[in-house]
Protein backbone atom coordinates (compact mmCIF):
# COMPACT_ATOMS: atom_id res chain seq x y z
CA UNK A 1 -15.74 26.71 6.63
CA UNK A 2 -15.51 28.05 3.07
CA UNK A 3 -17.73 26.92 0.19
CA UNK A 4 -15.25 24.48 -1.37
CA UNK A 5 -14.43 22.77 1.93
CA UNK A 6 -18.13 22.43 2.72
CA UNK A 7 -18.74 21.04 -0.76
CA UNK A 8 -15.92 18.53 -0.26
CA UNK A 9 -17.47 17.36 2.99
CA UNK A 10 -20.80 16.78 1.20
CA UNK A 11 -19.05 15.04 -1.71
CA UNK A 12 -17.20 12.64 0.61
CA UNK A 13 -20.45 11.88 2.46
CA UNK A 14 -22.17 11.10 -0.85
CA UNK A 15 -19.39 8.79 -2.06
CA UNK A 16 -19.37 6.85 1.20
CA UNK A 17 -23.15 6.54 1.07
CA UNK A 18 -22.60 4.79 -2.27
CA UNK A 19 -20.37 2.22 -0.59
CA UNK A 20 -16.89 3.66 -1.20
CA UNK A 21 -14.39 3.93 1.67
CA UNK A 22 -12.92 7.02 -0.01
CA UNK A 23 -10.10 7.51 2.50
CA UNK A 24 -7.09 8.37 0.32
CA UNK A 25 -9.13 10.45 -2.20
CA UNK A 26 -10.50 12.47 0.72
CA UNK A 27 -6.97 13.22 1.93
CA UNK A 28 -5.82 14.21 -1.55
CA UNK A 29 -8.84 16.41 -2.18
CA UNK A 30 -8.35 18.03 1.21
CA UNK A 31 -4.87 19.07 0.05
CA UNK A 32 -6.36 20.32 -3.21
CA UNK A 33 -8.88 22.51 -1.36
CA UNK A 34 -6.01 23.90 0.76
CA UNK A 35 -4.18 24.68 -2.50
CA UNK A 36 -7.27 26.50 -3.79
CA UNK A 37 -7.53 28.49 -0.56
CA UNK A 38 -3.87 29.52 -0.83
CA UNK A 39 -4.63 30.84 -4.33
CA UNK A 40 -7.80 32.62 -3.15
CA UNK A 41 -9.75 30.59 -5.72
CA UNK A 42 -13.37 29.60 -5.15
CA UNK A 43 -14.05 28.00 -8.54
CA UNK A 44 -12.17 24.99 -9.93
CA UNK A 45 -10.48 25.60 -13.28
CA UNK A 46 -8.58 23.14 -15.44
CA UNK A 47 -5.46 25.31 -15.14
CA UNK A 48 -5.49 25.24 -11.33
CA UNK A 49 -6.32 21.52 -11.24
CA UNK A 50 -3.32 20.68 -13.46
CA UNK A 51 -1.03 23.00 -11.50
CA UNK A 52 -1.95 21.23 -8.25
CA UNK A 53 -1.82 17.70 -9.69
CA UNK A 54 1.68 18.17 -11.15
CA UNK A 55 3.33 19.78 -8.12
CA UNK A 56 5.47 16.75 -7.25
CA UNK A 57 8.56 16.62 -9.52
CA UNK A 58 9.20 13.26 -11.15
CA UNK A 59 6.01 11.73 -9.76
CA UNK A 60 4.22 11.26 -13.08
CA UNK A 61 2.45 8.10 -11.88
CA UNK A 62 0.62 10.11 -9.21
CA UNK A 63 -0.29 13.08 -11.41
CA UNK A 64 -3.05 11.23 -13.24
CA UNK A 65 -4.46 9.88 -9.96
CA UNK A 66 -4.56 13.37 -8.42
CA UNK A 67 -6.24 14.84 -11.49
CA UNK A 68 -8.78 12.00 -11.54
CA UNK A 69 -9.74 12.85 -7.95
CA UNK A 70 -10.24 16.51 -8.87
CA UNK A 71 -12.20 15.55 -11.99
CA UNK A 72 -14.75 13.59 -9.94
CA UNK A 73 -15.08 16.41 -7.42
CA UNK A 74 -15.43 18.98 -10.23
CA UNK A 75 -18.19 16.97 -11.91
CA UNK A 76 -20.07 16.99 -8.63
CA UNK A 77 -19.58 20.77 -8.24
CA UNK A 78 -20.47 21.56 -11.86
CA UNK A 79 -24.08 20.56 -11.21
CA UNK A 80 -24.15 23.12 -8.39
CA UNK A 81 -22.00 25.84 -9.98
CA UNK A 82 -21.80 25.86 -13.82
CA UNK A 83 -18.64 27.99 -13.63
CA UNK A 84 -16.73 24.90 -12.44
CA UNK A 85 -14.44 23.49 -15.12
CA UNK A 86 -14.13 19.69 -15.35
CA UNK A 87 -10.57 18.76 -16.46
CA UNK A 88 -10.84 16.71 -19.67
CA UNK A 89 -9.84 13.05 -19.67
CA UNK A 90 -6.44 12.39 -21.22
CA UNK A 91 -4.67 15.66 -20.32
CA UNK A 92 -2.35 13.62 -18.11
CA UNK A 93 -2.28 10.06 -19.49
CA UNK A 94 -2.55 7.25 -16.97
CA UNK A 95 0.37 4.89 -17.55
CA UNK A 96 -1.25 1.91 -15.92
CA UNK A 97 0.12 -0.17 -13.09
CA UNK A 98 3.69 0.47 -12.04
CA UNK A 99 5.97 -2.45 -12.83
CA UNK A 100 6.76 -4.01 -9.46
CA UNK A 101 10.26 -4.31 -8.09
CA UNK A 102 10.98 -7.89 -7.04
CA UNK A 103 13.23 -7.77 -3.99
CA UNK A 104 15.85 -10.46 -3.55
CA UNK A 105 16.21 -12.27 -0.23
CA UNK A 106 19.55 -10.52 0.27
CA UNK A 107 18.02 -7.07 -0.24
CA UNK A 108 15.31 -7.78 2.31
CA UNK A 109 17.84 -9.05 4.85
CA UNK A 110 19.99 -5.96 4.27
CA UNK A 111 16.99 -3.67 4.80
CA UNK A 112 16.00 -5.46 8.01
CA UNK A 113 19.57 -5.20 9.29
CA UNK A 114 19.63 -1.49 8.45
CA UNK A 115 16.37 -0.98 10.36
CA UNK A 116 18.09 -2.27 13.49
CA UNK A 117 20.64 0.55 13.23
CA UNK A 118 18.00 3.29 13.50
CA UNK A 119 18.44 5.69 16.40
CA UNK A 120 17.98 5.87 19.31
CA UNK A 121 20.36 3.00 20.08
CA UNK A 122 18.37 1.74 23.05
CA UNK A 123 14.95 2.79 21.75
CA UNK A 124 11.92 0.94 20.37
CA UNK A 125 11.97 2.59 16.94
CA UNK A 126 14.49 0.22 15.37
CA UNK A 127 12.55 -2.85 16.56
CA UNK A 128 9.28 -1.44 15.24
CA UNK A 129 10.61 -0.88 11.71
CA UNK A 130 12.45 -4.20 11.69
CA UNK A 131 9.18 -5.95 12.57
CA UNK A 132 7.09 -3.90 10.14
CA UNK A 133 9.30 -4.44 7.09
CA UNK A 134 9.68 -8.12 7.90
CA UNK A 135 5.93 -8.54 8.33
CA UNK A 136 5.23 -6.92 4.95
CA UNK A 137 7.78 -9.20 3.28
CA UNK A 138 6.47 -12.49 4.67
CA UNK A 139 2.71 -11.81 4.53
CA UNK A 140 2.13 -9.61 1.47
CA UNK A 141 -0.10 -7.35 3.57
CA UNK A 142 -0.84 -3.81 2.47
CA UNK A 143 1.05 -1.19 4.50
CA UNK A 144 -2.28 0.27 5.65
CA UNK A 145 -3.35 -3.14 6.95
CA UNK A 146 -0.13 -3.66 8.91
CA UNK A 147 -0.33 -0.22 10.52
CA UNK A 148 -4.00 -0.77 11.43
CA UNK A 149 -3.33 -4.03 13.32
CA UNK A 150 -4.48 -3.79 16.92
CA UNK A 151 -3.12 -5.89 19.76
CA UNK A 152 -6.19 -8.14 19.80
CA UNK A 153 -5.80 -8.74 16.04
CA UNK A 154 -2.49 -10.56 16.54
CA UNK A 155 -3.00 -14.08 17.91
CA UNK A 156 0.52 -15.20 18.75
CA UNK A 157 -0.60 -18.54 20.15
CA UNK A 158 -2.18 -19.68 16.88
CA UNK A 159 -0.05 -17.52 14.61
CA UNK A 160 -3.01 -15.80 12.95
CA UNK A 161 -3.55 -12.12 12.11
CA UNK A 162 -7.05 -10.69 11.74
CA UNK A 163 -7.29 -7.97 9.10
CA UNK A 164 -10.39 -5.82 9.59
CA UNK A 165 -12.22 -3.59 7.12
CA UNK A 166 -9.65 -3.79 4.32
CA UNK A 167 -9.47 -1.92 1.01
CA UNK A 168 -12.68 -3.54 -0.23
CA UNK A 169 -14.51 -3.48 3.11
CA UNK A 170 -13.84 -7.15 3.91
CA UNK A 171 -12.10 -8.84 6.82
CA UNK A 172 -9.83 -11.87 6.56
CA UNK A 173 -7.50 -14.12 8.55
CA UNK A 174 -3.80 -14.25 7.67
CA UNK A 175 -1.85 -17.22 9.08
CA UNK A 176 1.89 -16.68 9.55
CA UNK A 177 4.83 -19.08 9.57
CA UNK A 178 6.37 -20.20 12.86
CA UNK A 179 9.49 -18.10 12.17
CA UNK A 180 7.32 -15.00 11.63
CA UNK A 181 5.43 -15.75 14.85
CA UNK A 182 8.75 -15.88 16.72
CA UNK A 183 9.70 -12.47 15.27
CA UNK A 184 6.35 -11.02 16.34
CA UNK A 185 6.85 -12.44 19.83
CA UNK A 186 10.29 -10.81 20.03
CA UNK A 187 8.81 -7.47 18.95
CA UNK A 188 6.06 -7.80 21.56
CA UNK A 189 8.71 -8.39 24.21
CA UNK A 190 10.70 -5.33 23.11
CA UNK A 191 7.61 -3.15 22.82
CA UNK A 192 6.27 -4.06 26.26
CA UNK A 193 9.71 -3.55 27.82
CA UNK A 194 9.83 -0.01 26.40
CA UNK A 195 6.16 0.95 26.70
CA UNK A 196 4.49 -0.16 29.91
CA UNK A 197 1.64 0.42 30.47
CA UNK A 198 0.41 0.52 26.84
CA UNK A 199 -0.37 3.96 25.42
CA UNK A 200 -2.05 2.72 22.27
CA UNK A 201 -4.28 -0.13 21.15
CA UNK A 202 -2.14 -0.70 18.05
CA UNK A 203 0.27 -3.62 17.72
CA UNK A 204 3.03 -1.66 15.96
CA UNK A 205 3.72 1.60 17.73
CA UNK A 206 5.98 4.63 17.47
CA UNK A 207 8.86 5.37 19.84
CA UNK A 208 6.61 6.77 22.58
CA UNK A 209 3.83 4.24 22.15
CA UNK A 210 1.48 6.16 19.86
CA UNK A 211 0.13 5.06 16.51
CA UNK A 212 2.69 4.58 13.74
CA UNK A 213 1.82 7.07 10.97
CA UNK A 214 2.32 6.18 7.29
CA UNK A 215 4.09 9.42 6.33
CA UNK A 216 6.85 8.70 8.83
CA UNK A 217 7.08 5.07 7.75
CA UNK A 218 7.64 6.12 4.13
CA UNK A 219 10.33 8.61 5.14
CA UNK A 220 12.22 5.98 7.13
CA UNK A 221 11.92 3.48 4.26
CA UNK A 222 13.22 6.00 1.70
CA UNK A 223 16.13 6.91 3.97
CA UNK A 224 17.12 3.28 4.55
CA UNK A 225 16.64 2.48 0.84
CA UNK A 226 19.22 5.15 -0.06
CA UNK A 227 21.49 4.03 2.75
CA UNK A 228 21.69 0.44 1.48
CA UNK A 229 21.74 1.32 -2.23
CA UNK A 230 18.20 0.38 -3.28
CA UNK A 231 17.81 4.01 -4.39
CA UNK A 232 20.33 6.61 -5.46
CA UNK A 233 21.06 9.51 -3.09
CA UNK A 234 18.68 11.86 -4.94
CA UNK A 235 16.24 9.38 -6.50
CA UNK A 236 12.53 10.22 -6.22
CA UNK A 237 11.48 6.83 -7.58
CA UNK A 238 12.60 3.30 -6.87
CA UNK A 239 11.55 0.17 -4.94
CA UNK A 240 8.42 0.80 -2.87
CA UNK A 241 6.94 -0.62 0.31
CA UNK A 242 4.05 -1.94 -1.79
CA UNK A 243 6.54 -4.00 -3.79
CA UNK A 244 6.88 -6.33 -0.79
CA UNK A 245 3.33 -7.39 -1.61
CA UNK A 246 4.22 -8.03 -5.25
CA UNK A 247 7.29 -9.97 -4.26
CA UNK A 248 5.28 -12.18 -1.89
CA UNK A 249 2.69 -12.99 -4.57
CA UNK A 250 5.29 -13.73 -7.24
CA UNK A 251 7.38 -15.90 -4.88
CA UNK A 252 4.29 -17.89 -3.90
CA UNK A 253 3.31 -18.49 -7.53
CA UNK A 254 6.86 -19.52 -8.44
CA UNK A 255 6.94 -22.03 -5.59
CA UNK A 256 3.68 -23.54 -6.83
CA UNK A 257 4.84 -23.78 -10.44
CA UNK A 258 8.26 -25.23 -9.51
CA UNK A 259 6.65 -27.89 -7.31
CA UNK A 260 4.21 -28.88 -10.07
CA UNK A 261 1.05 -27.84 -8.24
CA UNK A 262 -2.15 -26.75 -9.98
CA UNK A 263 -1.83 -22.97 -9.95
CA UNK A 264 -5.32 -22.41 -11.38
CA UNK A 265 -6.85 -24.34 -8.48
CA UNK A 266 -4.70 -22.57 -5.89
CA UNK A 267 -5.10 -19.05 -7.29
CA UNK A 268 -8.39 -18.35 -5.41
CA UNK A 269 -6.57 -19.21 -2.15
CA UNK A 270 -3.83 -16.67 -2.87
CA UNK A 271 -6.44 -14.12 -3.92
CA UNK A 272 -8.27 -14.55 -0.61
CA UNK A 273 -5.03 -14.42 1.39
CA UNK A 274 -4.03 -11.14 -0.29
CA UNK A 275 -7.50 -9.65 0.11
CA UNK A 276 -8.15 -9.10 -3.60
CA UNK A 277 -11.70 -8.33 -4.67
CA UNK A 278 -11.50 -10.90 -7.48
CA UNK A 279 -9.10 -13.55 -8.77
CA UNK A 280 -8.43 -11.50 -11.90
CA UNK A 281 -6.36 -9.06 -9.83
CA UNK A 282 -4.17 -11.93 -8.63
CA UNK A 283 -3.60 -13.27 -12.15
CA UNK A 284 -1.98 -9.91 -13.00
CA UNK A 285 1.12 -11.05 -11.11
CA UNK A 286 1.83 -13.61 -13.83
CA UNK A 287 2.93 -10.73 -16.08
CA UNK A 288 5.22 -9.24 -13.43
CA UNK A 289 7.95 -11.87 -13.67
CA UNK A 290 9.45 -13.42 -16.86
CA UNK A 291 9.92 -16.79 -15.16
CA UNK A 292 6.24 -16.88 -14.22
CA UNK A 293 5.25 -16.08 -17.79
CA UNK A 294 7.48 -18.91 -18.99
CA UNK A 295 5.93 -21.37 -16.52
CA UNK A 296 2.40 -20.28 -17.48
CA UNK A 297 3.15 -20.58 -21.20
CA UNK A 298 4.72 -24.03 -20.74
CA UNK A 299 1.73 -25.20 -18.69
CA UNK A 300 -0.65 -23.93 -21.38
CA UNK A 301 1.32 -25.66 -24.13
CA UNK A 302 1.29 -28.94 -22.19
CA UNK A 303 -2.46 -28.64 -21.72
CA UNK A 304 -2.96 -28.07 -25.48
CA UNK A 305 -0.82 -31.07 -26.41
CA UNK A 306 -2.82 -33.27 -24.01
CA UNK A 307 -6.14 -32.10 -25.46
CA UNK A 308 -7.69 -34.32 -28.19
């Protein structure tokens, strides 16, 4: 193990000791260390950090995140090796949260139908992706949470999913509608008909019964997105899997506003359901949809007029 890789191991251990899960940053920094090894570099420089962070063409939103990861690692190393350069803040501006894409019902139905055309014709793969994309759309779960579901986490009798050790280290229960429970039951039937006995503890599995890996899920989603016209044939950006979560939150808020319910009182419920660390993160969705902004402004104006 070279010096940088050993230092990364110590850095990850330190961050987790401070209470951070540090899963994705560890993966990204692991790729950065591999990049450094390929360049026979043992000391981090700003030039190398920028070169690595900007490797992906057209992925400006991720460049700042990658450089932020390296900056934290470099600060840690600088105290051990003064030759380490810490990339200055602002070299790659962070553009803030990506504006979510709000899927229509028709687009979701088209995607689910396309998933059922995936090869092999008589295989499990098409049923797995049909179930996964549908589950994301109707629950607002994070993709990592859906892929981490184990068989015992899915209670089909009560229609409740148990989400363990989420982004903020919490667990929560996610009830699902009867129609979603029927879809999960159908997937279970298909899965058990193809994979018996079970080869994995996970609820959603790959064609041969192993764990479904995120990199393959993204590739399938991008391919189907181009196939049905959500993305152009050569587009590197477009609607994302995470946008199912945005769409769920916005649709829920719209339903509440349209039915005249007290959104402020219900917001903590939605925040808990989505697994947000605080209600403030859930309020952000109000700015994601013009109709929601209009409802919120109208509600505020009514409240002002009623005040003495």
